[in-house]
């Protein structure tokens, strides 16, 4: 019996050791050498430093951790796939205090983004936490900025993405904007809020590739390709998306849904737009297109699209003289139901065509 009790005690001790929580201490990161010890604490402080080229600044945080930035983080330049930064954990409070992750974009930018040229770290920032991520600035990302795949509810707020320098050509971009494929947020997730942020880039401000219960609200999108659901591939479900009270300035289009022409067995439903404003749209006000990667080409019918509504506060969009106000390009039988567009007003440009769908109500252009 005594031997049994000893074995039992050792067993409980082993479980206790294995289940021990992170220490209630403060870990400070001033170089990559500090990371492994710092994340053993539930309070982590990041000071200014430079991540060596070709390394990922990877924070695998204990549940309930708080992270505070006290300085800017830069990354050495190298042609590699990245990411430059990754953070994971549950119930995390990450506060950037307005500090910057500098991606060194001009080293990589060649006007081609992910379509060729040098290999670029993409995404730059992988966010794999639940909780909050706030008050962070990203400057000059090599290509795509944020990939978000939160394990539980996450609120992202008060971020700045500044790739405005990429609007200018450089010696490698053949007269085109040097920055390319600089998507702000690529999201394949559920239970996500992105709010009160500013995105200056050369591609989608937001791209939702799959997922549900996603809200994008009170953000400003400047210079890029607008707010997108898609592109949608095969075997994907997107539902319950709220696009609310955003300001879209000088983009190719304001609001877009794009599904791949060869996609199959996918559904997109419950897309709600309310209170958005847009000025200076270069190509379209609203574009719903099932011919991606073509624009208004031959649409596929493998993605079922329903319940796309402009309701609540008025969505007010102004397009440039050469742009189309609203174009809808559905595959045969793939857009279904009745869509209420009563809270959509588009001015400027010319009327676009609506193809293979008669379910849009309370809207004229």
Protein backbone atom coordinates (compact mmCIF):
# COMPACT_ATOMS: atom_id res chain seq x y z
CA UNK A 1 0.00 0.00 0.00
CA UNK A 2 2.83 2.39 0.87
CA UNK A 3 4.42 1.69 -2.51
CA UNK A 4 1.08 2.34 -4.25
CA UNK A 5 0.67 5.68 -2.41
CA UNK A 6 4.17 6.70 -3.42
CA UNK A 7 3.46 5.91 -7.07
CA UNK A 8 0.15 7.78 -6.86
CA UNK A 9 1.87 10.82 -5.35
CA UNK A 10 4.49 10.79 -8.09
CA UNK A 11 1.74 10.55 -10.70
CA UNK A 12 -0.06 13.60 -9.28
CA UNK A 13 3.25 15.46 -9.14
CA UNK A 14 3.90 14.72 -12.83
CA UNK A 15 0.45 15.99 -13.78
CA UNK A 16 0.96 19.12 -11.70
CA UNK A 17 4.31 19.80 -13.35
CA UNK A 18 2.92 19.27 -16.84
CA UNK A 19 -0.10 21.51 -16.15
CA UNK A 20 1.82 24.29 -14.44
CA UNK A 21 0.66 27.68 -15.68
CA UNK A 22 3.01 30.31 -17.05
CA UNK A 23 4.75 32.32 -14.38
CA UNK A 24 3.24 35.55 -13.07
CA UNK A 25 6.28 37.54 -14.14
CA UNK A 26 7.37 40.05 -16.78
CA UNK A 27 9.44 38.91 -19.73
CA UNK A 28 11.24 41.60 -21.72
CA UNK A 29 12.21 41.16 -25.38
CA UNK A 30 15.07 43.30 -26.67
CA UNK A 31 16.42 40.75 -29.14
CA UNK A 32 15.42 37.40 -30.58
CA UNK A 33 17.54 35.71 -27.89
CA UNK A 34 15.02 36.89 -25.28
CA UNK A 35 11.88 35.39 -26.82
CA UNK A 36 11.90 31.83 -25.47
CA UNK A 37 12.26 32.97 -21.85
CA UNK A 38 9.94 35.96 -22.14
CA UNK A 39 6.94 33.90 -23.29
CA UNK A 40 7.16 31.84 -20.10
CA UNK A 41 5.72 34.91 -18.37
CA UNK A 42 2.16 36.15 -18.63
CA UNK A 43 3.34 39.76 -19.08
CA UNK A 44 5.55 40.39 -22.10
CA UNK A 45 7.20 43.69 -23.00
CA UNK A 46 8.69 44.31 -26.45
CA UNK A 47 11.43 46.92 -26.74
CA UNK A 48 12.93 48.34 -29.95
CA UNK A 49 15.12 45.89 -31.85
CA UNK A 50 15.79 44.44 -35.31
CA UNK A 51 14.86 40.85 -36.21
CA UNK A 52 17.69 39.23 -38.20
CA UNK A 53 16.96 38.64 -41.89
CA UNK A 54 15.22 35.36 -42.63
CA UNK A 55 13.84 34.82 -39.10
CA UNK A 56 10.24 34.93 -37.88
CA UNK A 57 9.56 36.87 -34.70
CA UNK A 58 7.31 34.17 -33.26
CA UNK A 59 5.43 34.64 -29.99
CA UNK A 60 3.80 31.45 -28.68
CA UNK A 61 2.05 32.95 -25.69
CA UNK A 62 0.59 31.40 -22.56
CA UNK A 63 -3.16 31.70 -22.17
CA UNK A 64 -4.20 35.03 -20.69
CA UNK A 65 -0.96 36.83 -21.51
CA UNK A 66 -0.63 40.59 -21.93
CA UNK A 67 1.81 41.96 -24.50
CA UNK A 68 2.91 45.60 -24.57
CA UNK A 69 5.16 47.24 -27.16
CA UNK A 70 7.54 49.87 -25.81
CA UNK A 71 9.42 50.37 -29.08
CA UNK A 72 9.48 49.74 -32.82
CA UNK A 73 10.47 46.44 -34.45
CA UNK A 74 12.30 46.27 -37.78
CA UNK A 75 13.20 43.25 -39.89
CA UNK A 76 16.37 42.49 -41.79
CA UNK A 77 15.92 42.18 -45.56
CA UNK A 78 16.04 38.81 -47.29
CA UNK A 79 14.16 37.21 -50.16
CA UNK A 80 12.22 34.48 -48.36
CA UNK A 81 8.62 33.43 -47.75
CA UNK A 82 8.22 34.66 -44.16
CA UNK A 83 6.14 35.47 -42.19
CA UNK A 84 8.06 38.23 -40.45
CA UNK A 85 5.89 38.13 -37.31
CA UNK A 86 3.56 35.53 -35.82
CA UNK A 87 1.63 35.54 -32.57
CA UNK A 88 -0.51 32.72 -31.16
CA UNK A 89 -2.37 32.03 -27.94
CA UNK A 90 -5.78 32.28 -26.30
CA UNK A 91 -7.29 35.21 -24.41
CA UNK A 92 -4.38 37.51 -25.31
CA UNK A 93 -4.30 41.29 -24.79
CA UNK A 94 -1.79 42.71 -27.30
CA UNK A 95 -1.27 46.50 -27.16
CA UNK A 96 1.16 48.08 -29.62
CA UNK A 97 0.99 51.51 -27.96
CA UNK A 98 1.22 53.03 -31.44
CA UNK A 99 4.58 51.42 -32.17
CA UNK A 100 5.60 50.10 -35.58
CA UNK A 101 6.50 46.85 -37.28
CA UNK A 102 8.61 48.02 -40.24
CA UNK A 103 8.60 45.47 -43.06
CA UNK A 104 11.27 47.14 -45.21
CA UNK A 105 9.02 47.11 -48.26
CA UNK A 106 11.23 49.13 -50.65
CA UNK A 107 13.82 46.33 -50.59
CA UNK A 108 11.22 43.92 -52.05
CA UNK A 109 8.89 46.08 -54.10
CA UNK A 110 9.13 45.50 -57.84
CA UNK A 111 5.56 46.13 -59.00
CA UNK A 112 4.81 42.39 -59.14
CA UNK A 113 3.89 41.49 -55.59
CA UNK A 114 3.25 37.76 -55.39
CA UNK A 115 3.04 37.40 -59.17
CA UNK A 116 6.78 37.26 -59.78
CA UNK A 117 10.03 39.06 -59.17
CA UNK A 118 11.83 38.46 -55.88
CA UNK A 119 10.31 36.24 -53.21
CA UNK A 120 8.57 38.37 -50.61
CA UNK A 121 7.61 37.47 -47.03
CA UNK A 122 3.84 37.06 -47.20
CA UNK A 123 1.92 37.50 -45.11
CA UNK A 124 4.03 39.85 -43.07
CA UNK A 125 1.95 39.40 -39.90
CA UNK A 126 0.18 36.17 -38.84
CA UNK A 127 -2.38 36.68 -36.10
CA UNK A 128 -3.49 33.45 -34.43
CA UNK A 129 -4.83 34.68 -31.10
CA UNK A 130 -8.15 35.23 -29.40
CA UNK A 131 -8.73 38.30 -27.26
CA UNK A 132 -7.63 41.74 -28.45
CA UNK A 133 -4.97 43.12 -30.80
CA UNK A 134 -4.82 46.89 -30.81
CA UNK A 135 -2.89 50.09 -31.55
CA UNK A 136 -0.24 48.59 -33.85
CA UNK A 137 1.27 50.22 -36.94
CA UNK A 138 2.65 48.29 -39.92
CA UNK A 139 4.88 50.28 -42.26
CA UNK A 140 5.89 49.18 -45.76
CA UNK A 141 4.96 45.50 -45.83
CA UNK A 142 6.76 43.45 -48.51
CA UNK A 143 3.39 42.15 -49.83
CA UNK A 144 0.23 40.96 -47.98
CA UNK A 145 0.04 42.40 -44.47
CA UNK A 146 -2.21 40.52 -42.03
CA UNK A 147 -3.38 36.92 -42.15
CA UNK A 148 -5.99 36.38 -39.43
CA UNK A 149 -7.00 32.90 -38.23
CA UNK A 150 -8.10 33.42 -34.64
CA UNK A 151 -8.97 30.27 -32.61
CA UNK A 152 -11.81 32.07 -30.76
CA UNK A 153 -13.35 35.54 -30.62
CA UNK A 154 -10.90 38.33 -31.51
CA UNK A 155 -11.26 42.10 -31.74
CA UNK A 156 -8.66 43.96 -33.83
CA UNK A 157 -8.78 47.72 -33.39
CA UNK A 158 -6.97 51.00 -33.96
CA UNK A 159 -4.42 49.62 -36.41
CA UNK A 160 -2.58 51.55 -39.09
CA UNK A 161 -1.28 49.95 -42.27
CA UNK A 162 0.83 52.48 -44.17
CA UNK A 163 2.00 51.23 -47.55
CA UNK A 164 1.41 54.61 -49.19
CA UNK A 165 5.04 54.80 -50.31
CA UNK A 166 4.29 51.81 -52.53
CA UNK A 167 2.03 53.98 -54.70
CA UNK A 168 5.17 55.41 -56.29
CA UNK A 169 7.17 53.55 -58.98
CA UNK A 170 10.77 52.58 -58.36
CA UNK A 171 13.69 51.41 -60.47
CA UNK A 172 12.36 47.81 -60.46
CA UNK A 173 8.66 48.41 -61.18
CA UNK A 174 8.73 49.51 -64.83
CA UNK A 175 6.74 52.67 -64.18
CA UNK A 176 4.02 50.90 -62.15
CA UNK A 177 3.31 51.36 -58.47
CA UNK A 178 6.16 49.58 -56.71
CA UNK A 179 3.91 48.05 -54.03
CA UNK A 180 1.60 45.25 -55.21
CA UNK A 181 -0.57 42.55 -53.56
CA UNK A 182 -0.38 44.50 -50.31
CA UNK A 183 -3.75 43.24 -48.99
CA UNK A 184 -4.59 44.73 -45.61
CA UNK A 185 -6.41 41.82 -43.97
CA UNK A 186 -6.82 38.29 -45.39
CA UNK A 187 -9.35 36.48 -43.21
CA UNK A 188 -10.32 32.81 -43.12
CA UNK A 189 -11.93 32.60 -39.72
CA UNK A 190 -14.97 33.09 -37.49
CA UNK A 191 -15.93 35.47 -34.68
CA UNK A 192 -13.75 38.39 -35.74
CA UNK A 193 -14.20 42.16 -35.42
CA UNK A 194 -11.87 44.61 -37.21
CA UNK A 195 -12.60 48.22 -36.33
CA UNK A 196 -11.39 51.82 -36.16
CA UNK A 197 -8.34 51.20 -38.36
CA UNK A 198 -6.66 52.91 -41.33
CA UNK A 199 -5.41 50.95 -44.33
CA UNK A 200 -3.33 52.59 -47.09
CA UNK A 201 -2.31 49.99 -49.67
CA UNK A 202 -2.38 48.73 -53.26
CA UNK A 203 -4.77 45.77 -53.04
CA UNK A 204 -7.83 44.64 -51.10
CA UNK A 205 -8.39 46.53 -47.87
CA UNK A 206 -10.15 43.43 -46.57
CA UNK A 207 -10.42 40.02 -48.24
CA UNK A 208 -12.68 37.42 -46.63
CA UNK A 209 -11.86 34.03 -48.12
CA UNK A 210 -14.03 31.88 -45.86
CA UNK A 211 -15.66 32.03 -42.45
CA UNK A 212 -18.58 33.52 -40.57
CA UNK A 213 -19.57 36.15 -38.03
CA UNK A 214 -17.06 38.72 -39.26
CA UNK A 215 -17.61 42.46 -38.73
CA UNK A 216 -15.55 45.18 -40.45
CA UNK A 217 -16.54 48.59 -39.13
CA UNK A 218 -15.49 52.24 -38.93
CA UNK A 219 -12.32 51.67 -40.93
CA UNK A 220 -10.74 53.87 -43.60
CA UNK A 221 -9.47 52.23 -46.80
CA UNK A 222 -7.31 54.35 -49.08
CA UNK A 223 -5.69 53.73 -52.45
CA UNK A 224 -6.35 50.02 -52.93
CA UNK A 225 -9.00 47.68 -54.35
CA UNK A 226 -11.77 48.15 -51.80
CA UNK A 227 -13.52 45.85 -49.33
CA UNK A 228 -13.90 42.32 -50.71
CA UNK A 229 -15.65 39.10 -49.95
CA UNK A 230 -13.44 36.66 -51.83
CA UNK A 231 -11.95 35.53 -53.92
CA UNK A 232 -14.04 32.45 -53.18
CA UNK A 233 -12.61 29.05 -54.11
CA UNK A 234 -14.17 25.56 -54.00
CA UNK A 235 -15.68 23.96 -50.88
CA UNK A 236 -15.92 27.24 -48.99
CA UNK A 237 -18.69 28.71 -46.82
CA UNK A 238 -18.99 32.42 -46.05
CA UNK A 239 -21.88 33.74 -43.94
CA UNK A 240 -22.95 36.51 -41.60
CA UNK A 241 -20.61 39.27 -42.75
CA UNK A 242 -21.24 42.86 -41.56
CA UNK A 243 -19.55 45.73 -43.47
CA UNK A 244 -20.50 48.84 -41.48
CA UNK A 245 -19.72 52.57 -41.50
CA UNK A 246 -16.43 52.38 -43.37
CA UNK A 247 -14.85 55.17 -45.43
CA UNK A 248 -13.36 54.12 -48.77
CA UNK A 249 -11.25 56.66 -50.66
CA UNK A 250 -9.67 56.45 -54.13
CA UNK A 251 -9.99 52.68 -54.55
CA UNK A 252 -10.64 50.64 -57.69
CA UNK A 253 -14.04 49.72 -56.30
CA UNK A 254 -15.76 50.31 -52.99
CA UNK A 255 -17.50 47.02 -52.25
CA UNK A 256 -16.88 43.76 -54.07
CA UNK A 257 -17.81 40.08 -53.98
CA UNK A 258 -15.62 37.94 -56.21
CA UNK A 259 -15.97 34.21 -56.77
CA UNK A 260 -13.73 32.09 -58.95
CA UNK A 261 -15.23 30.98 -62.23
CA UNK A 262 -14.09 27.38 -61.69
CA UNK A 263 -15.11 27.13 -58.02
CA UNK A 264 -17.55 24.39 -56.98
CA UNK A 265 -19.64 23.49 -53.90
CA UNK A 266 -19.33 26.87 -52.16
CA UNK A 267 -21.89 29.21 -50.62
CA UNK A 268 -21.83 32.91 -49.78
CA UNK A 269 -24.78 34.31 -47.81
CA UNK A 270 -25.77 36.95 -45.30
CA UNK A 271 -23.61 39.84 -46.52
CA UNK A 272 -24.85 43.14 -45.05
CA UNK A 273 -23.63 46.62 -45.96
CA UNK A 274 -24.73 49.63 -43.90
CA UNK A 275 -23.51 53.21 -43.52
CA UNK A 276 -20.47 52.95 -45.78
CA UNK A 277 -19.23 55.97 -47.76
CA UNK A 278 -16.93 55.95 -50.77
CA UNK A 279 -15.45 58.66 -52.99
CA UNK A 280 -13.18 58.59 -56.01
CA UNK A 281 -13.85 55.00 -57.11
CA UNK A 282 -11.82 54.36 -60.26
CA UNK A 283 -13.61 51.35 -61.80
CA UNK A 284 -16.79 50.33 -59.95
CA UNK A 285 -18.93 51.42 -57.05
CA UNK A 286 -20.26 47.92 -56.34
CA UNK A 287 -18.93 44.86 -58.17
CA UNK A 288 -20.34 41.36 -57.73
CA UNK A 289 -18.56 39.08 -60.14
CA UNK A 290 -18.51 35.31 -60.54
CA UNK A 291 -15.86 35.24 -63.28
CA UNK A 292 -12.74 35.83 -61.17
CA UNK A 293 -9.84 36.12 -62.06
CA UNK A 294 -11.45 37.79 -65.09
CA UNK A 295 -13.52 40.91 -64.55
CA UNK A 296 -17.05 40.65 -65.99
CA UNK A 297 -16.00 37.63 -68.02
CA UNK A 298 -17.81 34.31 -68.32
CA UNK A 299 -19.24 33.56 -64.85
CA UNK A 300 -19.18 30.16 -63.21
CA UNK A 301 -22.14 28.76 -61.29
CA UNK A 302 -20.41 26.70 -58.60
CA UNK A 303 -20.82 29.31 -55.85
CA UNK A 304 -24.35 29.91 -54.56
CA UNK A 305 -24.77 33.56 -53.61
CA UNK A 306 -27.73 34.81 -51.56
CA UNK A 307 -28.90 37.43 -49.08
CA UNK A 308 -26.65 40.33 -50.15
CA UNK A 309 -28.27 43.46 -48.72
CA UNK A 310 -27.67 47.21 -48.46
CA UNK A 311 -29.87 48.16 -45.53
CA UNK A 312 -29.97 50.39 -42.45
CA UNK A 313 -27.92 53.59 -42.79
CA UNK A 314 -27.44 54.75 -46.38
CA UNK A 315 -24.40 53.50 -48.27
CA UNK A 316 -23.26 56.50 -50.33
CA UNK A 317 -20.78 55.94 -53.15
CA UNK A 318 -19.33 58.33 -55.72
CA UNK A 319 -17.49 56.94 -58.76
CA UNK A 320 -15.24 58.64 -61.27
CA UNK A 321 -16.48 59.54 -64.75
CA UNK A 322 -15.08 56.42 -66.42
CA UNK A 323 -16.34 54.01 -63.76
CA UNK A 324 -19.48 51.87 -63.52
CA UNK A 325 -21.87 52.41 -60.66
CA UNK A 326 -22.93 48.80 -59.98
CA UNK A 327 -22.17 45.64 -61.97
CA UNK A 328 -23.50 42.19 -61.09
CA UNK A 329 -22.24 39.19 -63.09
CA UNK A 330 -23.88 35.98 -61.84
CA UNK A 331 -23.57 32.46 -63.13
CA UNK A 332 -26.80 30.92 -64.37
CA UNK A 333 -28.90 30.05 -61.33
CA UNK A 334 -26.15 30.85 -58.82
CA UNK A 335 -27.54 34.13 -57.43
CA UNK A 336 -30.76 33.43 -55.57
CA UNK A 337 -33.44 35.00 -53.41
CA UNK A 338 -34.38 38.65 -52.99
CA UNK A 339 -31.70 41.22 -52.19
CA UNK A 340 -32.74 44.50 -50.58
CA UNK A 341 -30.61 47.37 -51.91
CA UNK A 342 -32.80 50.18 -50.56
CA UNK A 343 -29.89 51.78 -48.64
CA UNK A 344 -27.54 52.13 -51.63
CA UNK A 345 -26.99 55.37 -53.50
CA UNK A 346 -24.32 55.64 -56.21
CA UNK A 347 -23.52 58.76 -58.23
CA UNK A 348 -21.18 59.54 -61.13
CA UNK A 349 -19.94 57.31 -63.92
CA UNK A 350 -22.32 55.11 -65.89
CA UNK A 351 -24.72 52.29 -65.09
CA UNK A 352 -23.31 48.79 -65.01
CA UNK A 353 -25.03 45.62 -66.22
CA UNK A 354 -26.81 43.07 -64.05
CA UNK A 355 -26.52 39.63 -65.61
CA UNK A 356 -28.45 36.41 -64.88
CA UNK A 357 -30.26 37.78 -61.82
CA UNK A 358 -33.50 39.68 -61.24
CA UNK A 359 -33.71 39.54 -57.45
CA UNK A 360 -32.29 42.98 -56.61
CA UNK A 361 -35.04 45.17 -55.20
CA UNK A 362 -35.39 48.85 -54.27
CA UNK A 363 -32.44 50.03 -56.37
CA UNK A 364 -31.98 51.78 -59.67
CA UNK A 365 -28.91 53.26 -61.33
